[in-house]
C-alpha cells in the first residue's frame, strides 16, 4: 500500500527553529516554513526529531530554502495567519539544502 501523505517540497524557513527535549529524551525542533502553490504562499509547521532536529538548528537559518521529505498531517490548531484554516504540519524525515542558480 502506498502512503499518500508522504511529500517532497521546497520550502523557505520563516523563523528560527525552536529546539526542545521531549519526554523520552528525544530532541525535537519545530518551525514554520513557506511554500508557493499556484501563486499563493502557504505556511506549514515543520517538526523534526532526533539527530535531524539538532542538524537543522546547527546548519539552517531564516530565509534558507530547503528540500524536505516527510509526512503531511493536519493539526487541531487553527492557523494564526488564516483564521478559517487549520494549521498543516509536516513530520520531516529528510532535509537537503536547496541552492538556486540566479
PDB file of N, CA and C in Angstrom:
ATOM      1  N   UNK A   1       0.829  -1.172   0.000  1.00  0.00           N
ATOM      2  CA  UNK A   1       0.000   0.000   0.000  1.00  0.00           C
ATOM      3  C   UNK A   1       0.885   1.251   0.000  1.00  0.00           C
ATOM      4  N   UNK A   2       0.510   2.238  -0.774  1.00  0.00           N
ATOM      5  CA  UNK A   2       1.263   3.481  -0.889  1.00  0.00           C
ATOM      6  C   UNK A   2       0.725   4.491   0.123  1.00  0.00           C
ATOM      7  N   UNK A   3       1.632   5.148   0.817  1.00  0.00           N
ATOM      8  CA  UNK A   3       1.226   6.188   1.758  1.00  0.00           C
ATOM      9  C   UNK A   3       1.088   7.497   1.003  1.00  0.00           C
ATOM     10  N   UNK A   4      -0.122   7.999   0.877  1.00  0.00           N
ATOM     11  CA  UNK A   4      -0.361   9.213   0.092  1.00  0.00           C
ATOM     12  C   UNK A   4      -0.042  10.485   0.861  1.00  0.00           C
ATOM     13  N   UNK A   5       0.326  10.374   2.116  1.00  0.00           N
ATOM     14  CA  UNK A   5       0.665  11.556   2.903  1.00  0.00           C
ATOM     15  C   UNK A   5       2.139  11.915   2.818  1.00  0.00           C
ATOM     16  N   UNK A   6       2.942  11.131   2.107  1.00  0.00           N
ATOM     17  CA  UNK A   6       4.382  11.395   2.005  1.00  0.00           C
ATOM     18  C   UNK A   6       4.603  12.424   0.910  1.00  0.00           C
ATOM     19  N   UNK A   7       5.299  13.528   1.255  1.00  0.00           N
ATOM     20  CA  UNK A   7       5.511  14.593   0.274  1.00  0.00           C
ATOM     21  C   UNK A   7       6.980  14.982   0.217  1.00  0.00           C
ATOM     22  N   UNK A   8       7.346  15.635  -0.852  1.00  0.00           N
ATOM     23  CA  UNK A   8       8.656  16.241  -1.026  1.00  0.00           C
ATOM     24  C   UNK A   8       8.444  17.615  -1.634  1.00  0.00           C
ATOM     25  N   UNK A   9       8.845  18.676  -0.925  1.00  0.00           N
ATOM     26  CA  UNK A   9       8.640  20.042  -1.416  1.00  0.00           C
ATOM     27  C   UNK A   9       9.814  20.938  -1.026  1.00  0.00           C
ATOM     28  N   UNK A  10       9.935  22.035  -1.748  1.00  0.00           N
ATOM     29  CA  UNK A  10      10.936  23.048  -1.431  1.00  0.00           C
ATOM     30  C   UNK A  10      10.237  24.137  -0.633  1.00  0.00           C
ATOM     31  N   UNK A  11      10.810  24.481   0.526  1.00  0.00           N
ATOM     32  CA  UNK A  11      10.212  25.490   1.396  1.00  0.00           C
ATOM     33  C   UNK A  11      11.258  26.525   1.802  1.00  0.00           C
ATOM     34  N   UNK A  12      10.760  27.665   2.238  1.00  0.00           N
ATOM     35  CA  UNK A  12      11.615  28.740   2.759  1.00  0.00           C
ATOM     36  C   UNK A  12      11.398  28.806   4.271  1.00  0.00           C
ATOM     37  N   UNK A  13      12.467  28.769   5.045  1.00  0.00           N
ATOM     38  CA  UNK A  13      12.381  28.818   6.502  1.00  0.00           C
ATOM     39  C   UNK A  13      12.006  30.235   6.923  1.00  0.00           C
ATOM     40  N   UNK A  14      10.930  30.366   7.711  1.00  0.00           N
ATOM     41  CA  UNK A  14      10.413  31.671   8.102  1.00  0.00           C
ATOM     42  C   UNK A  14      10.835  32.134   9.488  1.00  0.00           C
ATOM     43  N   UNK A  15      11.205  31.207  10.353  1.00  0.00           N
ATOM     44  CA  UNK A  15      11.528  31.592  11.731  1.00  0.00           C
ATOM     45  C   UNK A  15      12.670  30.742  12.266  1.00  0.00           C
ATOM     46  N   UNK A  16      13.251  31.214  13.353  1.00  0.00           N
ATOM     47  CA  UNK A  16      14.320  30.455  13.995  1.00  0.00           C
ATOM     48  C   UNK A  16      13.721  29.174  14.546  1.00  0.00           C
ATOM     49  N   UNK A  17      14.295  28.020  14.187  1.00  0.00           N
ATOM     50  CA  UNK A  17      13.755  26.755  14.698  1.00  0.00           C
ATOM     51  C   UNK A  17      13.800  26.706  16.224  1.00  0.00           C
ATOM     52  N   UNK A  18      12.681  26.281  16.831  1.00  0.00           N
ATOM     53  CA  UNK A  18      12.578  26.153  18.286  1.00  0.00           C
ATOM     54  C   UNK A  18      12.964  24.735  18.665  1.00  0.00           C
ATOM     55  N   UNK A  19      13.971  24.618  19.505  1.00  0.00           N
ATOM     56  CA  UNK A  19      14.525  23.322  19.876  1.00  0.00           C
ATOM     57  C   UNK A  19      14.130  22.992  21.310  1.00  0.00           C
ATOM     58  N   UNK A  20      13.710  21.742  21.535  1.00  0.00           N
ATOM     59  CA  UNK A  20      13.381  21.306  22.893  1.00  0.00           C
ATOM     60  C   UNK A  20      13.665  19.814  23.034  1.00  0.00           C
ATOM     61  N   UNK A  21      13.639  19.353  24.269  1.00  0.00           N
ATOM     62  CA  UNK A  21      13.835  17.938  24.568  1.00  0.00           C
ATOM     63  C   UNK A  21      12.476  17.361  24.970  1.00  0.00           C
ATOM     64  N   UNK A  22      12.042  16.292  24.290  1.00  0.00           N
ATOM     65  CA  UNK A  22      10.759  15.660  24.580  1.00  0.00           C
ATOM     66  C   UNK A  22      10.864  14.802  25.839  1.00  0.00           C
ATOM     67  N   UNK A  23       9.734  14.273  26.268  1.00  0.00           N
ATOM     68  CA  UNK A  23       9.664  13.468  27.491  1.00  0.00           C
ATOM     69  C   UNK A  23      10.595  12.254  27.460  1.00  0.00           C
ATOM     70  N   UNK A  24      10.763  11.662  26.288  1.00  0.00           N
ATOM     71  CA  UNK A  24      11.590  10.453  26.169  1.00  0.00           C
ATOM     72  C   UNK A  24      13.054  10.778  25.869  1.00  0.00           C
ATOM     73  N   UNK A  25      13.490  11.994  26.216  1.00  0.00           N
ATOM     74  CA  UNK A  25      14.871  12.454  25.990  1.00  0.00           C
ATOM     75  C   UNK A  25      15.239  12.571  24.510  1.00  0.00           C
ATOM     76  N   UNK A  26      14.266  12.704  23.658  1.00  0.00           N
ATOM     77  CA  UNK A  26      14.492  12.861  22.219  1.00  0.00           C
ATOM     78  C   UNK A  26      14.440  14.347  21.872  1.00  0.00           C
ATOM     79  N   UNK A  27      15.358  14.788  21.002  1.00  0.00           N
ATOM     80  CA  UNK A  27      15.379  16.186  20.579  1.00  0.00           C
ATOM     81  C   UNK A  27      14.276  16.442  19.552  1.00  0.00           C
ATOM     82  N   UNK A  28      13.613  17.578  19.685  1.00  0.00           N
ATOM     83  CA  UNK A  28      12.541  17.964  18.768  1.00  0.00           C
ATOM     84  C   UNK A  28      12.778  19.410  18.359  1.00  0.00           C
ATOM     85  N   UNK A  29      12.648  19.683  17.065  1.00  0.00           N
ATOM     86  CA  UNK A  29      12.752  21.045  16.552  1.00  0.00           C
ATOM     87  C   UNK A  29      11.499  21.350  15.742  1.00  0.00           C
ATOM     88  N   UNK A  30      10.888  22.505  16.007  1.00  0.00           N
ATOM     89  CA  UNK A  30       9.698  22.931  15.277  1.00  0.00           C
ATOM     90  C   UNK A  30       9.924  24.332  14.719  1.00  0.00           C
ATOM     91  N   UNK A  31       9.390  24.575  13.524  1.00  0.00           N
ATOM     92  CA  UNK A  31       9.480  25.907  12.928  1.00  0.00           C
ATOM     93  C   UNK A  31       8.473  26.021  11.796  1.00  0.00           C
ATOM     94  N   UNK A  32       8.193  27.262  11.400  1.00  0.00           N
ATOM     95  CA  UNK A  32       7.276  27.499  10.284  1.00  0.00           C
ATOM     96  C   UNK A  32       8.073  27.707   9.007  1.00  0.00           C
ATOM     97  N   UNK A  33       7.500  27.242   7.913  1.00  0.00           N
ATOM     98  CA  UNK A  33       8.117  27.404   6.603  1.00  0.00           C
ATOM     99  C   UNK A  33       7.027  27.743   5.593  1.00  0.00           C
ATOM    100  N   UNK A  34       7.446  28.263   4.463  1.00  0.00           N
ATOM    101  CA  UNK A  34       6.501  28.714   3.436  1.00  0.00           C
ATOM    102  C   UNK A  34       6.819  28.043   2.109  1.00  0.00           C
ATOM    103  N   UNK A  35       5.785  27.680   1.373  1.00  0.00           N
ATOM    104  CA  UNK A  35       5.983  27.234   0.003  1.00  0.00           C
ATOM    105  C   UNK A  35       4.933  27.877  -0.878  1.00  0.00           C
ATOM    106  N   UNK A  36       5.243  27.978  -2.160  1.00  0.00           N
ATOM    107  CA  UNK A  36       4.341  28.647  -3.084  1.00  0.00           C
ATOM    108  C   UNK A  36       3.506  27.611  -3.816  1.00  0.00           C
ATOM    109  N   UNK A  37       2.197  27.848  -3.860  1.00  0.00           N
ATOM    110  CA  UNK A  37       1.266  26.941  -4.514  1.00  0.00           C
ATOM    111  C   UNK A  37       0.311  27.755  -5.372  1.00  0.00           C
ATOM    112  N   UNK A  38       0.460  27.670  -6.683  1.00  0.00           N
ATOM    113  CA  UNK A  38      -0.404  28.397  -7.621  1.00  0.00           C
ATOM    114  C   UNK A  38      -0.554  29.869  -7.245  1.00  0.00           C
ATOM    115  N   UNK A  39       0.572  30.551  -7.155  1.00  0.00           N
ATOM    116  CA  UNK A  39       0.637  31.989  -6.859  1.00  0.00           C
ATOM    117  C   UNK A  39       0.130  32.360  -5.470  1.00  0.00           C
ATOM    118  N   UNK A  40       0.016  31.392  -4.566  1.00  0.00           N
ATOM    119  CA  UNK A  40      -0.348  31.673  -3.182  1.00  0.00           C
ATOM    120  C   UNK A  40       0.751  31.129  -2.286  1.00  0.00           C
ATOM    121  N   UNK A  41       1.054  31.864  -1.231  1.00  0.00           N
ATOM    122  CA  UNK A  41       2.026  31.376  -0.262  1.00  0.00           C
ATOM    123  C   UNK A  41       1.305  30.591   0.819  1.00  0.00           C
ATOM    124  N   UNK A  42       1.751  29.377   1.062  1.00  0.00           N
ATOM    125  CA  UNK A  42       1.163  28.522   2.096  1.00  0.00           C
ATOM    126  C   UNK A  42       2.166  28.357   3.222  1.00  0.00           C
ATOM    127  N   UNK A  43       1.672  28.362   4.442  1.00  0.00           N
ATOM    128  CA  UNK A  43       2.524  28.214   5.618  1.00  0.00           C
ATOM    129  C   UNK A  43       2.346  26.808   6.187  1.00  0.00           C
ATOM    130  N   UNK A  44       3.470  26.166   6.484  1.00  0.00           N
ATOM    131  CA  UNK A  44       3.474  24.843   7.096  1.00  0.00           C
ATOM    132  C   UNK A  44       4.232  24.916   8.410  1.00  0.00           C
ATOM    133  N   UNK A  45       3.895  24.042   9.326  1.00  0.00           N
ATOM    134  CA  UNK A  45       4.686  23.885  10.545  1.00  0.00           C
ATOM    135  C   UNK A  45       5.469  22.589  10.371  1.00  0.00           C
ATOM    136  N   UNK A  46       6.803  22.675  10.449  1.00  0.00           N
ATOM    137  CA  UNK A  46       7.661  21.511  10.261  1.00  0.00           C
ATOM    138  C   UNK A  46       8.159  21.018  11.609  1.00  0.00           C
ATOM    139  N   UNK A  47       8.185  19.699  11.765  1.00  0.00           N
ATOM    140  CA  UNK A  47       8.629  19.068  13.004  1.00  0.00           C
ATOM    141  C   UNK A  47       9.707  18.053  12.662  1.00  0.00           C
ATOM    142  N   UNK A  48      10.854  18.155  13.339  1.00  0.00           N
ATOM    143  CA  UNK A  48      11.972  17.225  13.133  1.00  0.00           C
ATOM    144  C   UNK A  48      12.316  16.578  14.473  1.00  0.00           C
ATOM    145  N   UNK A  49      12.724  15.311  14.431  1.00  0.00           N
ATOM    146  CA  UNK A  49      13.057  14.554  15.637  1.00  0.00           C
ATOM    147  C   UNK A  49      14.488  14.056  15.581  1.00  0.00           C
ATOM    148  N   UNK A  50      15.066  13.806  16.753  1.00  0.00           N
ATOM    149  CA  UNK A  50      16.357  13.128  16.870  1.00  0.00           C
ATOM    150  C   UNK A  50      17.524  13.901  16.281  1.00  0.00           C
ATOM    151  N   UNK A  51      18.406  13.170  15.591  1.00  0.00           N
ATOM    152  CA  UNK A  51      19.624  13.759  15.027  1.00  0.00           C
ATOM    153  C   UNK A  51      19.288  14.844  14.003  1.00  0.00           C
ATOM    154  N   UNK A  52      18.236  14.619  13.234  1.00  0.00           N
ATOM    155  CA  UNK A  52      17.817  15.604  12.233  1.00  0.00           C
ATOM    156  C   UNK A  52      17.458  16.936  12.898  1.00  0.00           C
ATOM    157  N   UNK A  53      16.872  16.883  14.076  1.00  0.00           N
ATOM    158  CA  UNK A  53      16.499  18.108  14.812  1.00  0.00           C
ATOM    159  C   UNK A  53      17.728  18.926  15.177  1.00  0.00           C
ATOM    160  N   UNK A  54      18.784  18.256  15.659  1.00  0.00           N
ATOM    161  CA  UNK A  54      19.988  19.010  16.035  1.00  0.00           C
ATOM    162  C   UNK A  54      20.729  19.519  14.812  1.00  0.00           C
ATOM    163  N   UNK A  55      20.742  18.755  13.718  1.00  0.00           N
ATOM    164  CA  UNK A  55      21.384  19.210  12.481  1.00  0.00           C
ATOM    165  C   UNK A  55      20.676  20.435  11.927  1.00  0.00           C
ATOM    166  N   UNK A  56      19.374  20.433  12.012  1.00  0.00           N
ATOM    167  CA  UNK A  56      18.599  21.544  11.475  1.00  0.00           C
ATOM    168  C   UNK A  56      18.964  22.844  12.179  1.00  0.00           C
ATOM    169  N   UNK A  57      19.010  22.827  13.499  1.00  0.00           N
ATOM    170  CA  UNK A  57      19.314  24.064  14.226  1.00  0.00           C
ATOM    171  C   UNK A  57      20.761  24.503  14.027  1.00  0.00           C
ATOM    172  N   UNK A  58      21.652  23.566  13.698  1.00  0.00           N
ATOM    173  CA  UNK A  58      23.064  23.902  13.503  1.00  0.00           C
ATOM    174  C   UNK A  58      23.380  24.417  12.094  1.00  0.00           C
ATOM    175  N   UNK A  59      22.650  23.953  11.072  1.00  0.00           N
ATOM    176  CA  UNK A  59      23.042  24.237   9.690  1.00  0.00           C
ATOM    177  C   UNK A  59      22.119  25.154   8.903  1.00  0.00           C
ATOM    178  N   UNK A  60      20.904  25.389   9.369  1.00  0.00           N
ATOM    179  CA  UNK A  60      19.958  26.190   8.585  1.00  0.00           C
ATOM    180  C   UNK A  60      19.514  27.407   9.377  1.00  0.00           C
ATOM    181  N   UNK A  61      19.150  28.478   8.641  1.00  0.00           N
ATOM    182  CA  UNK A  61      18.728  29.716   9.283  1.00  0.00           C
ATOM    183  C   UNK A  61      17.532  30.306   8.531  1.00  0.00           C
ATOM    184  N   UNK A  62      17.022  31.417   9.026  1.00  0.00           N
ATOM    185  CA  UNK A  62      15.874  32.088   8.403  1.00  0.00           C
ATOM    186  C   UNK A  62      16.212  32.452   6.955  1.00  0.00           C
ATOM    187  N   UNK A  63      15.240  32.322   6.070  1.00  0.00           N
ATOM    188  CA  UNK A  63      15.305  32.628   4.639  1.00  0.00           C
ATOM    189  C   UNK A  63      16.092  31.599   3.829  1.00  0.00           C
ATOM    190  N   UNK A  64      16.556  30.519   4.438  1.00  0.00           N
ATOM    191  CA  UNK A  64      17.170  29.425   3.670  1.00  0.00           C
ATOM    192  C   UNK A  64      16.072  28.636   2.974  1.00  0.00           C
ATOM    193  N   UNK A  65      16.381  28.180   1.771  1.00  0.00           N
ATOM    194  CA  UNK A  65      15.478  27.280   1.063  1.00  0.00           C
ATOM    195  C   UNK A  65      15.987  25.860   1.255  1.00  0.00           C
ATOM    196  N   UNK A  66      15.073  24.954   1.574  1.00  0.00           N
ATOM    197  CA  UNK A  66      15.438  23.557   1.780  1.00  0.00           C
ATOM    198  C   UNK A  66      14.429  22.649   1.082  1.00  0.00           C
ATOM    199  N   UNK A  67      14.903  21.513   0.666  1.00  0.00           N
ATOM    200  CA  UNK A  67      14.039  20.471   0.124  1.00  0.00           C
ATOM    201  C   UNK A  67      13.754  19.523   1.274  1.00  0.00           C
ATOM    202  N   UNK A  68      12.481  19.319   1.569  1.00  0.00           N
ATOM    203  CA  UNK A  68      12.132  18.425   2.660  1.00  0.00           C
ATOM    204  C   UNK A  68      11.314  17.247   2.145  1.00  0.00           C
ATOM    205  N   UNK A  69      11.453  16.139   2.826  1.00  0.00           N
ATOM    206  CA  UNK A  69      10.607  14.974   2.604  1.00  0.00           C
ATOM    207  C   UNK A  69      10.002  14.626   3.946  1.00  0.00           C
ATOM    208  N   UNK A  70       8.715  14.298   3.940  1.00  0.00           N
ATOM    209  CA  UNK A  70       8.097  13.960   5.210  1.00  0.00           C
ATOM    210  C   UNK A  70       6.638  13.610   5.060  1.00  0.00           C
ATOM    211  N   UNK A  71       5.988  13.448   6.197  1.00  0.00           N
ATOM    212  CA  UNK A  71       4.590  13.044   6.257  1.00  0.00           C
ATOM    213  C   UNK A  71       3.720  14.233   6.608  1.00  0.00           C
ATOM    214  N   UNK A  72       2.719  14.480   5.795  1.00  0.00           N
ATOM    215  CA  UNK A  72       1.811  15.602   5.924  1.00  0.00           C
ATOM    216  C   UNK A  72       0.625  15.212   6.807  1.00  0.00           C
ATOM    217  N   UNK A  73       0.265  16.081   7.750  1.00  0.00           N
ATOM    218  CA  UNK A  73      -0.950  15.847   8.530  1.00  0.00           C
ATOM    219  C   UNK A  73      -1.532  17.179   8.978  1.00  0.00           C
ATOM    220  N   UNK A  74      -2.816  17.178   9.278  1.00  0.00           N
ATOM    221  CA  UNK A  74      -3.497  18.396   9.696  1.00  0.00           C
ATOM    222  C   UNK A  74      -3.649  18.368  11.209  1.00  0.00           C
ATOM    223  N   UNK A  75      -3.279  19.458  11.848  1.00  0.00           N
ATOM    224  CA  UNK A  75      -3.356  19.510  13.308  1.00  0.00           C
ATOM    225  C   UNK A  75      -4.727  20.007  13.739  1.00  0.00           C
ATOM    226  N   UNK A  76      -4.954  19.981  15.031  1.00  0.00           N
ATOM    227  CA  UNK A  76      -6.205  20.504  15.587  1.00  0.00           C
ATOM    228  C   UNK A  76      -6.135  21.999  15.846  1.00  0.00           C
ATOM    229  N   UNK A  77      -4.954  22.595  15.599  1.00  0.00           N
ATOM    230  CA  UNK A  77      -4.771  24.024  15.844  1.00  0.00           C
ATOM    231  C   UNK A  77      -5.176  24.843  14.621  1.00  0.00           C
ATOM    232  N   UNK A  78      -5.635  26.044  14.864  1.00  0.00           N
ATOM    233  CA  UNK A  78      -6.005  26.941  13.774  1.00  0.00           C
ATOM    234  C   UNK A  78      -4.804  27.775  13.375  1.00  0.00           C
ATOM    235  N   UNK A  79      -4.719  28.078  12.078  1.00  0.00           N
ATOM    236  CA  UNK A  79      -3.632  28.886  11.528  1.00  0.00           C
ATOM    237  C   UNK A  79      -3.809  30.345  11.968  1.00  0.00           C
ATOM    238  N   UNK A  80      -2.769  30.943  12.566  1.00  0.00           N
ATOM    239  CA  UNK A  80      -2.844  32.343  13.020  1.00  0.00           C
ATOM    240  C   UNK A  80      -3.006  33.304  11.846  1.00  0.00           C
ATOM    241  N   UNK A  81      -2.345  32.989  10.711  1.00  0.00           N
ATOM    242  CA  UNK A  81      -2.372  33.879   9.548  1.00  0.00           C
ATOM    243  C   UNK A  81      -3.703  33.806   8.801  1.00  0.00           C
ATOM    244  N   UNK A  82      -4.319  32.629   8.779  1.00  0.00           N
ATOM    245  CA  UNK A  82      -5.593  32.427   8.099  1.00  0.00           C
ATOM    246  C   UNK A  82      -6.565  31.791   9.090  1.00  0.00           C
ATOM    247  N   UNK A  83      -7.376  32.588   9.771  1.00  0.00           N
ATOM    248  CA  UNK A  83      -8.210  32.082  10.858  1.00  0.00           C
ATOM    249  C   UNK A  83      -9.203  30.992  10.464  1.00  0.00           C
ATOM    250  N   UNK A  84      -9.577  30.908   9.210  1.00  0.00           N
ATOM    251  CA  UNK A  84     -10.558  29.899   8.807  1.00  0.00           C
ATOM    252  C   UNK A  84      -9.911  28.592   8.342  1.00  0.00           C
ATOM    253  N   UNK A  85      -8.590  28.452   8.478  1.00  0.00           N
ATOM    254  CA  UNK A  85      -7.902  27.231   8.068  1.00  0.00           C
ATOM    255  C   UNK A  85      -7.141  26.626   9.241  1.00  0.00           C
ATOM    256  N   UNK A  86      -7.163  25.295   9.302  1.00  0.00           N
ATOM    257  CA  UNK A  86      -6.369  24.616  10.322  1.00  0.00           C
ATOM    258  C   UNK A  86      -4.913  24.584   9.881  1.00  0.00           C
ATOM    259  N   UNK A  87      -4.018  24.530  10.848  1.00  0.00           N
ATOM    260  CA  UNK A  87      -2.586  24.520  10.584  1.00  0.00           C
ATOM    261  C   UNK A  87      -2.166  23.160  10.027  1.00  0.00           C
ATOM    262  N   UNK A  88      -1.400  23.172   8.956  1.00  0.00           N
ATOM    263  CA  UNK A  88      -0.901  21.938   8.350  1.00  0.00           C
ATOM    264  C   UNK A  88       0.517  21.706   8.851  1.00  0.00           C
ATOM    265  N   UNK A  89       0.803  20.455   9.270  1.00  0.00           N
ATOM    266  CA  UNK A  89       2.121  20.116   9.791  1.00  0.00           C
ATOM    267  C   UNK A  89       2.768  19.056   8.917  1.00  0.00           C
ATOM    268  N   UNK A  90       4.103  19.044   8.930  1.00  0.00           N
ATOM    269  CA  UNK A  90       4.877  18.022   8.227  1.00  0.00           C
ATOM    270  C   UNK A  90       5.891  17.441   9.200  1.00  0.00           C
ATOM    271  N   UNK A  91       5.857  16.130   9.377  1.00  0.00           N
ATOM    272  CA  UNK A  91       6.892  15.450  10.165  1.00  0.00           C
ATOM    273  C   UNK A  91       8.031  15.166   9.191  1.00  0.00           C
ATOM    274  N   UNK A  92       9.112  15.922   9.309  1.00  0.00           N
ATOM    275  CA  UNK A  92      10.225  15.857   8.354  1.00  0.00           C
ATOM    276  C   UNK A  92      11.083  14.622   8.628  1.00  0.00           C
ATOM    277  N   UNK A  93      11.375  13.872   7.554  1.00  0.00           N
ATOM    278  CA  UNK A  93      12.246  12.707   7.683  1.00  0.00           C
ATOM    279  C   UNK A  93      13.601  12.945   7.029  1.00  0.00           C
ATOM    280  N   UNK A  94      13.618  13.775   5.985  1.00  0.00           N
ATOM    281  CA  UNK A  94      14.872  14.115   5.301  1.00  0.00           C
ATOM    282  C   UNK A  94      14.839  15.596   4.950  1.00  0.00           C
ATOM    283  N   UNK A  95      16.027  16.209   5.000  1.00  0.00           N
ATOM    284  CA  UNK A  95      16.125  17.627   4.643  1.00  0.00           C
ATOM    285  C   UNK A  95      17.426  17.842   3.880  1.00  0.00           C
ATOM    286  N   UNK A  96      17.356  18.634   2.804  1.00  0.00           N
ATOM    287  CA  UNK A  96      18.512  18.905   1.965  1.00  0.00           C
ATOM    288  C   UNK A  96      18.584  20.400   1.688  1.00  0.00           C
ATOM    289  N   UNK A  97      19.776  20.983   1.632  1.00  0.00           N
ATOM    290  CA  UNK A  97      19.869  22.395   1.244  1.00  0.00           C
ATOM    291  C   UNK A  97      19.468  22.545  -0.207  1.00  0.00           C
ATOM    292  N   UNK A  98      18.820  23.654  -0.539  1.00  0.00           N
ATOM    293  CA  UNK A  98      18.410  23.916  -1.908  1.00  0.00           C
ATOM    294  C   UNK A  98      19.075  25.191  -2.360  1.00  0.00           C
ATOM    295  N   UNK A  99      19.927  25.082  -3.339  1.00  0.00           N
ATOM    296  CA  UNK A  99      20.641  26.243  -3.873  1.00  0.00           C
ATOM    297  C   UNK A  99      20.135  26.514  -5.275  1.00  0.00           C
ATOM    298  N   UNK A 100      19.528  27.674  -5.464  1.00  0.00           N
ATOM    299  CA  UNK A 100      19.056  28.020  -6.804  1.00  0.00           C
ATOM    300  C   UNK A 100      20.122  28.858  -7.503  1.00  0.00           C
ATOM    301  N   UNK A 101      20.263  28.629  -8.783  1.00  0.00           N
ATOM    302  CA  UNK A 101      21.218  29.406  -9.564  1.00  0.00           C
ATOM    303  C   UNK A 101      20.505  30.625 -10.114  1.00  0.00           C
ATOM    304  N   UNK A 102      20.964  31.814  -9.742  1.00  0.00           N
ATOM    305  CA  UNK A 102      20.307  33.038 -10.198  1.00  0.00           C
ATOM    306  C   UNK A 102      21.189  33.786 -11.153  1.00  0.00           C
TER     307      UNK A 102
END
